[in-house]
């Protein structure tokens, strides 16, 4: 780091040769190498070859997002009658934890591997008042790579004061391999009959709307590009897909959120989560200015994100699942990205 603090990179490998590289800066998943239908490995997440890339302004490639993933309207919320003001770093709204969210801090790393699987534990203490949030929040994220070609991410957190918390991973996937063009030909299924429509600032209105008859119906596997250009207000607000989907599972227990298939390579990804929602984002703001790993240019739609989460702006939406964490309670969620080929 610029202050001289060392940054580490850890590599997890399994028996089939799958490989995940994670750094303690931002908890970033730097690379994820998975086999195609012919057994050839390719790195399927966008990112950079060196730390310097992540220190420049960049779109959260692979990072752990917190204290609150996604948006909070007007950068304010009220908890126990007290109003809290956050950085307005996305128009007039707060996004992904603020100016210096969990994606821009150094986590403490520890090898917690077992005989069953390699695991990396990352911990970070977010102090009371950091980025405007109340309470000293002790966050813990564990990455595990199983022999079933699953990248498992376990999140836990505790606090000494009532607060709000919503953690996720912001990896951009391209199952053809990072830098292999756009993801519009990827076929995606989302296990969600409803979504949370937004206003022009991408803040949910509070409605839970049926996907039926909309471009957001992915209840059957559909190419991402099939409807992305439709004349739809919600698509225009996001400049493509940038939407929270209400998972049919309701959250609480591990269940299927999404499936993604890339026909050219045969790579197939399943996303399972205990969270009630998932943000589906299609890299709409990538514009070819960023040069990623191996000098690859990342143009529009060069990757897709499936950010498992509680809903955006939940602290201001009483009808949404609560994101409040109280002293004595433990925030605990799990998400698994499972890979195969066909």
Protein backbone atom coordinates (compact mmCIF):
# COMPACT_ATOMS: atom_id res chain seq x y z
CA UNK A 1 0.00 0.00 0.00
CA UNK A 2 1.04 3.65 -0.28
CA UNK A 3 1.55 3.71 3.49
CA UNK A 4 3.93 0.74 3.27
CA UNK A 5 1.49 -1.86 4.59
CA UNK A 6 2.09 -5.23 2.89
CA UNK A 7 -0.67 -6.80 0.83
CA UNK A 8 -0.90 -10.57 0.48
CA UNK A 9 -2.26 -12.88 -2.20
CA UNK A 10 -3.46 -16.38 -1.30
CA UNK A 11 -4.13 -19.21 -3.74
CA UNK A 12 -6.57 -22.03 -3.00
CA UNK A 13 -6.52 -25.14 -5.20
CA UNK A 14 -8.59 -28.33 -5.19
CA UNK A 15 -8.01 -31.87 -6.44
CA UNK A 16 -9.45 -31.16 -9.90
CA UNK A 17 -7.09 -28.24 -10.48
CA UNK A 18 -9.59 -25.46 -9.94
CA UNK A 19 -7.89 -22.41 -8.46
CA UNK A 20 -9.05 -19.30 -6.57
CA UNK A 21 -6.73 -16.39 -5.73
CA UNK A 22 -7.80 -13.96 -3.01
CA UNK A 23 -6.05 -10.89 -1.62
CA UNK A 24 -6.51 -9.40 1.83
CA UNK A 25 -6.91 -5.97 0.21
CA UNK A 26 -10.67 -5.62 -0.05
CA UNK A 27 -11.09 -9.39 0.30
CA UNK A 28 -10.90 -9.39 -3.50
CA UNK A 29 -11.32 -12.57 -5.53
CA UNK A 30 -8.51 -11.78 -7.99
CA UNK A 31 -8.86 -14.84 -10.19
CA UNK A 32 -10.94 -18.00 -10.45
CA UNK A 33 -9.78 -20.70 -12.83
CA UNK A 34 -12.32 -23.36 -13.78
CA UNK A 35 -12.38 -26.09 -16.47
CA UNK A 36 -14.46 -26.02 -19.65
CA UNK A 37 -16.12 -29.08 -21.19
CA UNK A 38 -12.71 -30.23 -22.48
CA UNK A 39 -10.99 -29.75 -19.14
CA UNK A 40 -9.19 -26.54 -20.18
CA UNK A 41 -8.84 -24.02 -17.38
CA UNK A 42 -9.68 -20.34 -17.84
CA UNK A 43 -9.93 -17.44 -15.43
CA UNK A 44 -13.63 -16.53 -15.31
CA UNK A 45 -13.56 -13.31 -13.23
CA UNK A 46 -12.60 -9.81 -14.30
CA UNK A 47 -9.77 -8.03 -12.50
CA UNK A 48 -6.16 -6.89 -12.65
CA UNK A 49 -2.70 -8.49 -12.73
CA UNK A 50 -1.34 -6.26 -9.96
CA UNK A 51 -2.47 -4.42 -6.86
CA UNK A 52 -2.06 -1.08 -8.66
CA UNK A 53 -5.14 -1.83 -10.77
CA UNK A 54 -7.30 -2.18 -7.68
CA UNK A 55 -5.94 1.02 -6.13
CA UNK A 56 -7.25 3.12 -9.04
CA UNK A 57 -10.94 4.01 -9.35
CA UNK A 58 -12.51 0.75 -10.55
CA UNK A 59 -15.93 -0.94 -10.40
CA UNK A 60 -15.47 -3.16 -7.32
CA UNK A 61 -14.00 -6.11 -9.24
CA UNK A 62 -14.21 -9.21 -7.02
CA UNK A 63 -14.38 -7.27 -3.75
CA UNK A 64 -16.15 -7.85 -0.47
CA UNK A 65 -18.77 -5.09 -0.16
CA UNK A 66 -19.78 -3.57 3.18
CA UNK A 67 -20.83 -2.29 5.58
CA UNK A 68 -23.90 -2.08 3.37
CA UNK A 69 -23.91 -3.54 -0.14
CA UNK A 70 -25.95 -1.74 -2.79
CA UNK A 71 -27.76 1.56 -2.32
CA UNK A 72 -29.27 3.47 0.58
CA UNK A 73 -31.57 6.26 -0.58
CA UNK A 74 -30.37 9.84 -0.01
CA UNK A 75 -27.48 8.48 2.06
CA UNK A 76 -29.55 8.49 5.24
CA UNK A 77 -31.47 6.10 7.46
CA UNK A 78 -33.07 6.22 10.90
CA UNK A 79 -32.49 3.55 13.54
CA UNK A 80 -34.02 3.68 17.03
CA UNK A 81 -35.10 7.26 16.37
CA UNK A 82 -31.56 8.39 15.50
CA UNK A 83 -30.80 9.64 11.99
CA UNK A 84 -27.51 8.57 10.41
CA UNK A 85 -25.88 10.33 7.47
CA UNK A 86 -23.69 8.43 5.01
CA UNK A 87 -21.50 9.52 2.11
CA UNK A 88 -23.53 10.26 -1.02
CA UNK A 89 -21.17 8.60 -3.47
CA UNK A 90 -23.72 7.57 -6.13
CA UNK A 91 -25.69 10.58 -7.24
CA UNK A 92 -27.57 11.57 -4.13
CA UNK A 93 -27.40 8.07 -2.66
CA UNK A 94 -24.98 5.93 -0.66
CA UNK A 95 -23.48 2.97 -2.54
CA UNK A 96 -21.51 -0.10 -1.43
CA UNK A 97 -20.44 1.14 2.00
CA UNK A 98 -19.27 4.63 1.12
CA UNK A 99 -16.06 6.38 0.09
CA UNK A 100 -13.87 3.77 1.77
CA UNK A 101 -15.97 0.66 2.09
CA UNK A 102 -14.85 -2.87 2.94
CA UNK A 103 -13.57 -3.17 -0.63
CA UNK A 104 -10.79 -0.64 0.10
CA UNK A 105 -9.48 -1.79 3.48
CA UNK A 106 -6.82 -4.30 4.50
CA UNK A 107 -8.30 -7.38 6.11
CA UNK A 108 -6.41 -9.66 8.50
CA UNK A 109 -5.84 -12.98 6.76
CA UNK A 110 -5.45 -16.43 8.29
CA UNK A 111 -5.13 -19.89 6.75
CA UNK A 112 -7.96 -21.97 8.26
CA UNK A 113 -7.70 -24.91 5.86
CA UNK A 114 -8.82 -28.38 6.94
CA UNK A 115 -8.08 -31.83 5.57
CA UNK A 116 -11.32 -31.51 3.63
CA UNK A 117 -10.67 -28.19 1.86
CA UNK A 118 -8.43 -25.12 1.71
CA UNK A 119 -9.96 -22.08 3.43
CA UNK A 120 -8.91 -18.47 3.95
CA UNK A 121 -10.33 -16.40 6.80
CA UNK A 122 -10.46 -12.62 6.51
CA UNK A 123 -11.40 -10.40 9.46
CA UNK A 124 -11.94 -6.67 9.77
CA UNK A 125 -13.09 -4.38 12.57
CA UNK A 126 -15.20 -1.52 11.24
CA UNK A 127 -15.15 1.06 14.02
CA UNK A 128 -18.16 2.92 15.37
CA UNK A 129 -18.90 5.85 13.05
CA UNK A 130 -16.85 4.55 10.11
CA UNK A 131 -18.48 5.90 6.93
CA UNK A 132 -21.34 7.09 9.17
CA UNK A 133 -22.49 3.67 10.40
CA UNK A 134 -23.11 3.05 14.10
CA UNK A 135 -21.41 0.37 16.19
CA UNK A 136 -18.09 -1.44 16.20
CA UNK A 137 -18.74 -4.18 13.66
CA UNK A 138 -16.49 -7.26 13.69
CA UNK A 139 -16.73 -8.82 10.24
CA UNK A 140 -15.43 -12.25 9.20
CA UNK A 141 -15.41 -13.71 5.69
CA UNK A 142 -14.19 -17.24 4.91
CA UNK A 143 -13.45 -18.39 1.36
CA UNK A 144 -13.42 -22.18 0.90
CA UNK A 145 -12.72 -24.11 -2.31
CA UNK A 146 -14.23 -27.59 -2.21
CA UNK A 147 -13.36 -30.64 -4.30
CA UNK A 148 -16.88 -30.33 -5.72
CA UNK A 149 -15.68 -27.21 -7.60
CA UNK A 150 -17.56 -24.92 -5.24
CA UNK A 151 -16.30 -21.55 -4.09
CA UNK A 152 -18.05 -21.11 -0.77
CA UNK A 153 -18.17 -17.73 0.96
CA UNK A 154 -19.29 -17.59 4.60
CA UNK A 155 -19.99 -14.17 6.11
CA UNK A 156 -20.42 -13.46 9.82
CA UNK A 157 -20.53 -10.25 11.84
CA UNK A 158 -21.22 -9.02 15.35
CA UNK A 159 -21.75 -5.53 16.75
CA UNK A 160 -21.70 -3.70 20.08
CA UNK A 161 -24.47 -1.28 19.05
CA UNK A 162 -27.57 -1.58 16.88
CA UNK A 163 -26.52 -1.16 13.25
CA UNK A 164 -27.35 -2.25 9.71
CA UNK A 165 -25.25 -4.69 7.71
CA UNK A 166 -25.44 -6.23 4.23
CA UNK A 167 -22.34 -8.01 2.90
CA UNK A 168 -21.71 -9.47 -0.55
CA UNK A 169 -19.04 -10.31 -3.10
CA UNK A 170 -18.87 -8.19 -6.27
CA UNK A 171 -17.21 -10.54 -8.75
CA UNK A 172 -17.79 -9.97 -12.46
CA UNK A 173 -18.07 -13.33 -14.22
CA UNK A 174 -17.44 -14.21 -17.85
CA UNK A 175 -17.67 -17.98 -18.23
CA UNK A 176 -15.95 -17.87 -21.62
CA UNK A 177 -12.92 -16.46 -19.80
CA UNK A 178 -12.17 -12.93 -18.66
CA UNK A 179 -11.60 -10.56 -21.56
CA UNK A 180 -13.47 -12.82 -24.02
CA UNK A 181 -15.96 -10.21 -25.17
CA UNK A 182 -19.45 -9.63 -23.75
CA UNK A 183 -21.72 -11.95 -21.77
CA UNK A 184 -24.89 -11.35 -23.81
CA UNK A 185 -24.81 -14.94 -25.10
CA UNK A 186 -24.66 -16.41 -21.58
CA UNK A 187 -27.93 -18.10 -20.66
CA UNK A 188 -29.22 -17.26 -17.20
CA UNK A 189 -31.95 -18.59 -14.94
CA UNK A 190 -32.98 -16.65 -11.83
CA UNK A 191 -35.06 -18.42 -9.20
CA UNK A 192 -37.17 -15.33 -8.66
CA UNK A 193 -40.81 -14.63 -9.55
CA UNK A 194 -40.55 -11.00 -8.37
CA UNK A 195 -38.16 -8.07 -8.45
CA UNK A 196 -37.93 -4.71 -6.70
CA UNK A 197 -38.55 -1.93 -9.26
CA UNK A 198 -36.56 1.27 -8.81
CA UNK A 199 -36.75 5.01 -9.43
CA UNK A 200 -34.37 6.87 -11.74
CA UNK A 201 -31.72 6.85 -8.98
CA UNK A 202 -31.96 3.03 -8.75
CA UNK A 203 -33.59 3.16 -5.30
CA UNK A 204 -36.38 0.59 -4.83
CA UNK A 205 -39.89 2.02 -4.72
CA UNK A 206 -40.90 -0.58 -2.12
CA UNK A 207 -43.01 -2.60 -4.57
CA UNK A 208 -42.43 -6.31 -5.11
CA UNK A 209 -43.39 -6.72 -8.78
CA UNK A 210 -43.99 -9.90 -10.75
CA UNK A 211 -41.42 -10.62 -13.45
CA UNK A 212 -44.13 -12.12 -15.66
CA UNK A 213 -44.40 -10.30 -18.98
CA UNK A 214 -41.33 -8.15 -18.29
CA UNK A 215 -37.71 -8.30 -19.53
CA UNK A 216 -36.84 -9.43 -16.00
CA UNK A 217 -38.43 -12.87 -16.36
CA UNK A 218 -35.56 -15.34 -16.12
CA UNK A 219 -37.60 -18.12 -14.54
CA UNK A 220 -36.55 -20.13 -17.59
CA UNK A 221 -32.97 -20.02 -18.88
CA UNK A 222 -32.71 -17.14 -21.35
CA UNK A 223 -29.78 -15.47 -23.14
CA UNK A 224 -28.87 -12.25 -21.35
CA UNK A 225 -28.99 -10.32 -24.61
CA UNK A 226 -32.45 -11.53 -25.61
CA UNK A 227 -34.37 -8.63 -24.03
CA UNK A 228 -31.68 -6.25 -22.76
CA UNK A 229 -32.44 -3.75 -25.55
CA UNK A 230 -36.19 -3.62 -24.99
CA UNK A 231 -37.94 -0.29 -24.52
CA UNK A 232 -38.48 -0.68 -20.79
CA UNK A 233 -38.30 2.05 -18.14
CA UNK A 234 -36.52 -0.16 -15.61
CA UNK A 235 -33.89 -1.26 -18.15
CA UNK A 236 -33.34 2.38 -19.09
CA UNK A 237 -32.80 3.38 -15.46
CA UNK A 238 -30.09 0.71 -15.13
CA UNK A 239 -28.76 1.11 -18.70
CA UNK A 240 -29.17 -2.66 -18.86
CA UNK A 241 -29.77 -5.15 -16.09
CA UNK A 242 -29.01 -3.71 -12.65
CA UNK A 243 -31.80 -5.05 -10.54
CA UNK A 244 -32.50 -6.79 -7.24
CA UNK A 245 -34.47 -10.01 -7.61
CA UNK A 246 -36.63 -11.40 -4.81
CA UNK A 247 -35.57 -15.02 -4.48
CA UNK A 248 -38.36 -17.56 -4.22
CA UNK A 249 -36.56 -19.24 -1.32
CA UNK A 250 -37.15 -16.21 0.88
CA UNK A 251 -33.70 -16.51 2.43
CA UNK A 252 -32.64 -18.22 5.65
CA UNK A 253 -31.67 -21.59 4.21
CA UNK A 254 -29.24 -22.43 1.41
CA UNK A 255 -31.17 -22.52 -1.87
CA UNK A 256 -30.67 -22.02 -5.60
CA UNK A 257 -30.58 -18.37 -6.66
CA UNK A 258 -29.26 -18.56 -10.22
CA UNK A 259 -27.80 -20.71 -12.98
CA UNK A 260 -25.57 -19.43 -15.77
CA UNK A 261 -24.49 -21.38 -18.87
CA UNK A 262 -21.96 -20.32 -21.52
CA UNK A 263 -22.58 -22.41 -24.65
CA UNK A 264 -19.16 -21.95 -26.23
CA UNK A 265 -17.11 -23.34 -23.34
CA UNK A 266 -19.83 -25.44 -21.73
CA UNK A 267 -19.11 -23.84 -18.36
CA UNK A 268 -22.09 -23.92 -16.01
CA UNK A 269 -22.33 -21.93 -12.78
CA UNK A 270 -24.90 -22.38 -10.04
CA UNK A 271 -25.33 -19.79 -7.31
CA UNK A 272 -26.78 -20.92 -3.98
CA UNK A 273 -27.38 -18.58 -1.09
CA UNK A 274 -29.08 -18.08 2.27
CA UNK A 275 -29.85 -14.47 1.27
CA UNK A 276 -33.35 -13.31 0.21
CA UNK A 277 -32.16 -11.38 -2.83
CA UNK A 278 -29.63 -11.20 -5.64
CA UNK A 279 -28.54 -8.17 -7.65
CA UNK A 280 -28.15 -9.09 -11.31
CA UNK A 281 -25.84 -6.57 -13.00
CA UNK A 282 -24.51 -6.79 -16.55
CA UNK A 283 -21.47 -4.51 -16.44
CA UNK A 284 -23.39 -1.68 -18.10
CA UNK A 285 -20.83 0.99 -17.16
CA UNK A 286 -17.74 -0.82 -18.40
CA UNK A 287 -16.65 1.28 -21.35
CA UNK A 288 -13.37 -0.11 -22.68
CA UNK A 289 -11.19 2.30 -20.70
CA UNK A 290 -10.12 -0.32 -18.16
CA UNK A 291 -7.42 -2.77 -19.17
CA UNK A 292 -7.63 -5.88 -17.05
CA UNK A 293 -5.63 -9.07 -16.70
CA UNK A 294 -3.25 -9.83 -19.60
CA UNK A 295 -4.06 -6.37 -20.97
CA UNK A 296 -7.59 -7.42 -21.92
CA UNK A 297 -9.98 -4.55 -22.60
CA UNK A 298 -13.23 -4.62 -20.63
CA UNK A 299 -16.00 -3.19 -22.78
CA UNK A 300 -19.71 -2.90 -22.05
CA UNK A 301 -21.24 -6.13 -20.70
CA UNK A 302 -17.79 -7.77 -20.35
CA UNK A 303 -18.95 -9.45 -17.15
CA UNK A 304 -22.04 -10.22 -15.10
CA UNK A 305 -22.51 -9.89 -11.36
CA UNK A 306 -24.76 -11.97 -9.13
CA UNK A 307 -24.48 -10.16 -5.81
CA UNK A 308 -26.36 -12.17 -3.18
CA UNK A 309 -27.78 -9.76 -0.64
CA UNK A 310 -30.58 -8.27 1.38
CA UNK A 311 -32.51 -5.74 -0.65
CA UNK A 312 -31.23 -2.23 -1.47
CA UNK A 313 -32.46 0.57 0.82
CA UNK A 314 -33.87 -1.92 3.33
CA UNK A 315 -33.10 0.43 6.27
CA UNK A 316 -35.70 2.80 4.75
CA UNK A 317 -38.18 0.13 3.65
CA UNK A 318 -39.98 -1.46 6.65
CA UNK A 319 -41.68 -4.01 4.35
CA UNK A 320 -38.29 -5.40 3.18
CA UNK A 321 -36.44 -8.11 5.17
CA UNK A 322 -34.61 -6.35 8.00
CA UNK A 323 -30.88 -5.66 7.86
CA UNK A 324 -30.66 -4.57 11.50
CA UNK A 325 -28.03 -6.34 13.62
CA UNK A 326 -28.19 -6.04 17.40
CA UNK A 327 -25.58 -6.72 20.09
CA UNK A 328 -25.57 -10.39 21.08
CA UNK A 329 -26.88 -11.51 17.69
CA UNK A 330 -24.74 -12.89 14.85
CA UNK A 331 -25.12 -11.87 11.21
CA UNK A 332 -24.53 -15.07 9.25
CA UNK A 333 -24.95 -15.73 5.53
CA UNK A 334 -23.49 -18.20 3.02
CA UNK A 335 -23.18 -18.08 -0.74
CA UNK A 336 -21.78 -20.81 -3.00
CA UNK A 337 -20.65 -20.46 -6.62
CA UNK A 338 -20.59 -24.02 -7.99
CA UNK A 339 -18.94 -24.81 -11.31
CA UNK A 340 -19.30 -27.67 -13.79
CA UNK A 341 -19.30 -28.10 -17.57
CA UNK A 342 -21.63 -29.72 -20.07
